[in-house]
Amino acid sequence: MALGTATAPYELRFDAGRVCLDLLATTHPVERLGSVEVLRAWITGSGLVPPGTPLAHADAAWLLGFRELRGQLGQLVRGWLTPGSLSYDFALVRVNDTARTPPPAPRAVRAQDGSLVRELASAPDCAALLGAVARDAVDLLTDPVARAALRQCEGDNCPIVYLDTSRGRRRRWCSSEICGNRERVARHRRRVASRTPGATTRFPASARGASASATGAST
């Protein structure tokens, strides 16, 4: 299925462990944030706003802002994973500037069943949401424990970075169902391809020898 403007909310990924890393994942395998409609779905799915928050006021400027922040975050995160590979000073300044904007203010309200649910005190603007993502990145990259859990997916040609919170820190892929399954399928195919035609036989060698002797005795 083609992505871009046709991307459905369920095709967006939210399994990288942090909202800033989930934003980075929207570049793979192609541009996921291909329209304002998809961006609205991502904002809700990422948990930046409570479900049902009106986002009709989001426009193309929002899309540009989120893509720009995504590029800056990519430089910071990958700069940490591969020290010395690139300079990210400018990206650091931009992310810090973005993080200065306060995130949307939440409030607790009563739902129809009497329970308390979260909603925003007012309609969120783009700067506030970008600020929330930037703050998440600042928190991640300045926390030694969280920062040490950053991992690059081991899947072929997969650029996704995730937070490994698994027991023993042994997680290898951004998703076991996606990259992990592809690796298992590729491993199986390599095993099959490595087998020579003579390696797979219907009978054991002893049975073949007995059969040959019987054939020789009958001639």
Protein backbone atom coordinates (compact mmCIF):
# COMPACT_ATOMS: atom_id res chain seq x y z
CA MET A 1 0.00 0.00 0.00
CA ALA A 2 1.30 3.43 -0.94
CA LEU A 3 2.01 5.73 1.96
CA GLY A 4 2.22 9.51 2.06
CA THR A 5 -1.21 11.10 1.87
CA ALA A 6 -2.80 7.65 1.92
CA THR A 7 -1.18 6.66 5.20
CA ALA A 8 -3.78 5.47 7.69
CA PRO A 9 -3.37 6.03 11.44
CA TYR A 10 -2.85 2.32 12.07
CA GLU A 11 0.25 2.38 9.87
CA LEU A 12 1.99 4.84 12.16
CA ARG A 13 4.46 3.40 14.68
CA PHE A 14 4.42 4.17 18.40
CA ASP A 15 6.78 1.50 19.74
CA ALA A 16 10.12 3.31 19.98
CA GLY A 17 9.71 3.99 23.70
CA ARG A 18 9.66 7.81 23.66
CA VAL A 19 7.56 10.31 21.78
CA CYS A 20 10.65 11.98 20.28
CA LEU A 21 11.83 8.62 18.93
CA ASP A 22 8.36 7.84 17.60
CA LEU A 23 8.60 11.07 15.61
CA LEU A 24 11.94 9.94 14.16
CA ALA A 25 10.30 6.67 13.09
CA THR A 26 7.96 8.53 10.73
CA THR A 27 10.67 8.64 8.05
CA HIS A 28 10.71 4.86 7.55
CA PRO A 29 10.32 3.08 5.22
CA VAL A 30 9.16 6.23 3.39
CA GLU A 31 7.82 9.59 4.49
CA ARG A 32 4.95 8.85 6.86
CA LEU A 33 3.96 12.43 7.60
CA GLY A 34 2.72 13.03 4.08
CA SER A 35 -0.30 15.13 4.94
CA VAL A 36 -1.80 17.27 7.68
CA GLU A 37 -4.43 14.57 8.25
CA VAL A 38 -1.75 11.99 9.04
CA LEU A 39 0.05 14.47 11.30
CA ARG A 40 -3.16 14.94 13.30
CA ALA A 41 -3.42 11.17 13.66
CA TRP A 42 0.20 10.99 14.79
CA ILE A 43 -0.24 13.76 17.37
CA THR A 44 -3.18 11.91 18.92
CA GLY A 45 -1.62 8.46 18.64
CA SER A 46 1.62 9.60 20.24
CA GLY A 47 -0.23 10.77 23.35
CA LEU A 48 0.71 14.43 22.92
CA VAL A 49 -2.99 15.24 23.28
CA PRO A 50 -5.83 13.28 24.88
CA PRO A 51 -8.06 11.23 22.54
CA GLY A 52 -10.78 13.35 20.98
CA THR A 53 -8.85 16.63 21.19
CA PRO A 54 -9.92 18.83 18.26
CA LEU A 55 -7.05 19.42 15.85
CA ALA A 56 -8.94 20.86 12.90
CA HIS A 57 -6.88 24.05 13.16
CA ALA A 58 -3.66 22.18 12.30
CA ASP A 59 -2.41 23.23 8.87
CA ALA A 60 0.56 22.87 6.51
CA ALA A 61 2.72 25.05 8.77
CA TRP A 62 2.34 22.40 11.48
CA LEU A 63 3.55 19.74 9.06
CA LEU A 64 6.62 21.80 8.23
CA GLY A 65 7.34 22.46 11.90
CA PHE A 66 7.16 18.80 12.90
CA ARG A 67 9.35 17.74 9.98
CA GLU A 68 11.96 20.36 10.85
CA LEU A 69 12.03 19.29 14.49
CA ARG A 70 12.27 15.66 13.39
CA GLY A 71 15.38 16.45 11.35
CA GLN A 72 17.00 18.21 14.29
CA LEU A 73 16.19 15.35 16.64
CA GLY A 74 17.66 12.89 14.16
CA GLN A 75 20.96 14.76 14.19
CA LEU A 76 21.06 14.79 18.00
CA VAL A 77 20.12 11.15 18.54
CA ARG A 78 22.34 9.73 15.81
CA GLY A 79 25.13 12.05 16.86
CA TRP A 80 25.01 10.42 20.27
CA LEU A 81 24.92 6.89 18.85
CA THR A 82 27.89 7.54 16.54
CA PRO A 83 30.11 10.11 18.30
CA GLY A 84 32.24 12.19 15.97
CA SER A 85 30.29 11.20 12.87
CA LEU A 86 28.62 14.58 12.50
CA SER A 87 28.28 17.95 14.17
CA TYR A 88 24.93 18.63 15.82
CA ASP A 89 25.60 21.92 17.60
CA PHE A 90 23.09 23.85 15.47
CA ALA A 91 20.45 21.16 15.97
CA LEU A 92 21.08 21.30 19.72
CA VAL A 93 20.46 25.05 19.77
CA ARG A 94 17.24 24.68 17.81
CA VAL A 95 15.89 21.85 19.97
CA ASN A 96 16.72 23.77 23.15
CA ASP A 97 14.94 26.85 21.77
CA THR A 98 11.89 24.74 20.89
CA ALA A 99 11.84 23.15 24.34
CA ARG A 100 11.48 26.59 25.96
CA THR A 101 7.84 26.78 24.85
CA PRO A 102 5.56 25.36 27.58
CA PRO A 103 3.62 22.25 26.54
CA PRO A 104 -0.20 22.30 26.47
CA ALA A 105 -1.70 22.66 29.95
CA PRO A 106 -3.80 19.65 31.00
CA ARG A 107 -6.75 19.58 33.38
CA ALA A 108 -8.85 16.86 34.98
CA VAL A 109 -12.57 16.79 34.17
CA ARG A 110 -15.35 14.39 35.04
CA ALA A 111 -16.45 11.93 32.40
CA GLN A 112 -20.05 10.75 32.04
CA ASP A 113 -19.37 7.81 34.36
CA GLY A 114 -18.00 10.14 37.04
CA SER A 115 -14.33 9.19 36.57
CA LEU A 116 -11.67 11.80 36.01
CA VAL A 117 -10.17 12.09 32.55
CA ARG A 118 -7.53 14.36 31.09
CA GLU A 119 -8.23 17.09 28.59
CA LEU A 120 -6.42 20.24 27.55
CA ALA A 121 -7.36 23.57 29.04
CA SER A 122 -7.44 25.10 25.56
CA ALA A 123 -6.88 24.08 21.96
CA PRO A 124 -3.18 23.27 21.54
CA ASP A 125 -1.05 25.29 19.18
CA CYS A 126 1.81 23.94 17.12
CA ALA A 127 4.57 25.58 19.18
CA ALA A 128 3.29 24.01 22.40
CA LEU A 129 3.20 20.52 20.88
CA LEU A 130 6.64 20.93 19.35
CA GLY A 131 7.84 22.10 22.75
CA ALA A 132 6.52 18.91 24.35
CA VAL A 133 8.43 16.73 21.85
CA ALA A 134 11.61 18.79 22.25
CA ARG A 135 11.40 18.55 26.05
CA ASP A 136 11.04 14.79 25.77
CA ALA A 137 14.24 14.71 23.71
CA VAL A 138 16.09 16.92 26.20
CA ASP A 139 14.97 14.67 29.07
CA LEU A 140 16.07 11.57 27.17
CA LEU A 141 19.49 12.81 26.08
CA THR A 142 20.40 14.29 29.47
CA ASP A 143 19.40 11.19 31.46
CA PRO A 144 22.44 8.85 31.57
CA VAL A 145 20.33 5.75 32.24
CA ALA A 146 17.79 6.41 29.49
CA ARG A 147 20.47 7.58 27.08
CA ALA A 148 22.44 4.36 27.57
CA ALA A 149 19.36 2.40 26.48
CA LEU A 150 19.27 3.98 23.02
CA ARG A 151 19.62 1.35 20.30
CA GLN A 152 19.81 1.32 16.52
CA CYS A 153 17.65 -1.42 14.99
CA GLU A 154 19.73 -4.31 13.63
CA GLY A 155 17.29 -4.91 10.78
CA ASP A 156 18.65 -4.52 7.25
CA ASN A 157 18.43 -0.88 6.15
CA CYS A 158 16.28 0.06 9.15
CA PRO A 159 17.18 3.48 10.60
CA ILE A 160 14.77 3.35 13.53
CA VAL A 161 16.21 4.18 16.95
CA TYR A 162 14.41 2.88 20.02
CA LEU A 163 14.74 2.74 23.79
CA ASP A 164 15.69 -0.74 24.97
CA THR A 165 13.92 -1.31 28.28
CA SER A 166 13.88 -5.09 27.93
CA ARG A 167 15.23 -7.34 30.65
CA GLY A 168 18.96 -7.69 30.18
CA ARG A 169 18.87 -5.02 27.45
CA ARG A 170 18.86 -7.69 24.74
CA ARG A 171 16.33 -6.20 22.35
CA ARG A 172 17.77 -6.25 18.81
CA TRP A 173 15.01 -4.86 16.63
CA CYS A 174 12.66 -1.90 16.59
CA SER A 175 9.85 -4.44 16.30
CA SER A 176 9.95 -8.22 16.69
CA GLU A 177 6.93 -8.49 14.40
CA ILE A 178 8.50 -6.40 11.62
CA CYS A 179 12.29 -6.36 11.50
CA GLY A 180 12.62 -9.35 13.80
CA ASN A 181 10.35 -11.46 11.64
CA ARG A 182 12.16 -10.36 8.47
CA GLU A 183 15.47 -11.42 9.98
CA ARG A 184 14.07 -14.83 10.96
CA VAL A 185 12.71 -15.34 7.43
CA ALA A 186 16.04 -14.26 5.89
CA ARG A 187 17.95 -16.58 8.22
CA HIS A 188 15.72 -19.50 7.19
CA ARG A 189 16.25 -18.74 3.50
CA ARG A 190 20.03 -18.61 3.99
CA ARG A 191 19.95 -22.01 5.66
CA VAL A 192 17.90 -23.48 2.81
CA ALA A 193 20.14 -21.90 0.15
CA SER A 194 23.29 -23.26 1.82
CA ARG A 195 22.17 -26.83 1.46
CA THR A 196 23.65 -28.71 -1.53
CA PRO A 197 21.44 -31.06 -3.59
CA GLY A 198 23.28 -34.10 -2.21
CA ALA A 199 22.85 -33.02 1.38
CA THR A 200 19.17 -33.84 1.46
CA THR A 201 18.48 -37.56 1.01
CA ARG A 202 15.49 -39.73 1.53
CA PHE A 203 17.41 -42.68 3.02
CA PRO A 204 20.42 -42.88 5.36
CA ALA A 205 23.81 -43.83 3.90
CA SER A 206 23.63 -47.35 5.35
CA ALA A 207 20.36 -48.00 3.58
CA ARG A 208 21.79 -46.71 0.28
CA GLY A 209 24.79 -49.05 0.66
CA ALA A 210 22.55 -52.03 1.33
CA SER A 211 20.45 -51.18 -1.66
CA ALA A 212 23.51 -50.92 -3.92
CA SER A 213 24.78 -54.33 -2.71
CA ALA A 214 21.46 -55.92 -3.42
CA THR A 215 21.43 -54.44 -6.92
CA GLY A 216 24.96 -55.72 -7.59
CA ALA A 217 24.07 -59.21 -6.39
CA SER A 218 21.10 -59.43 -8.69
CA THR A 219 23.04 -58.59 -11.84
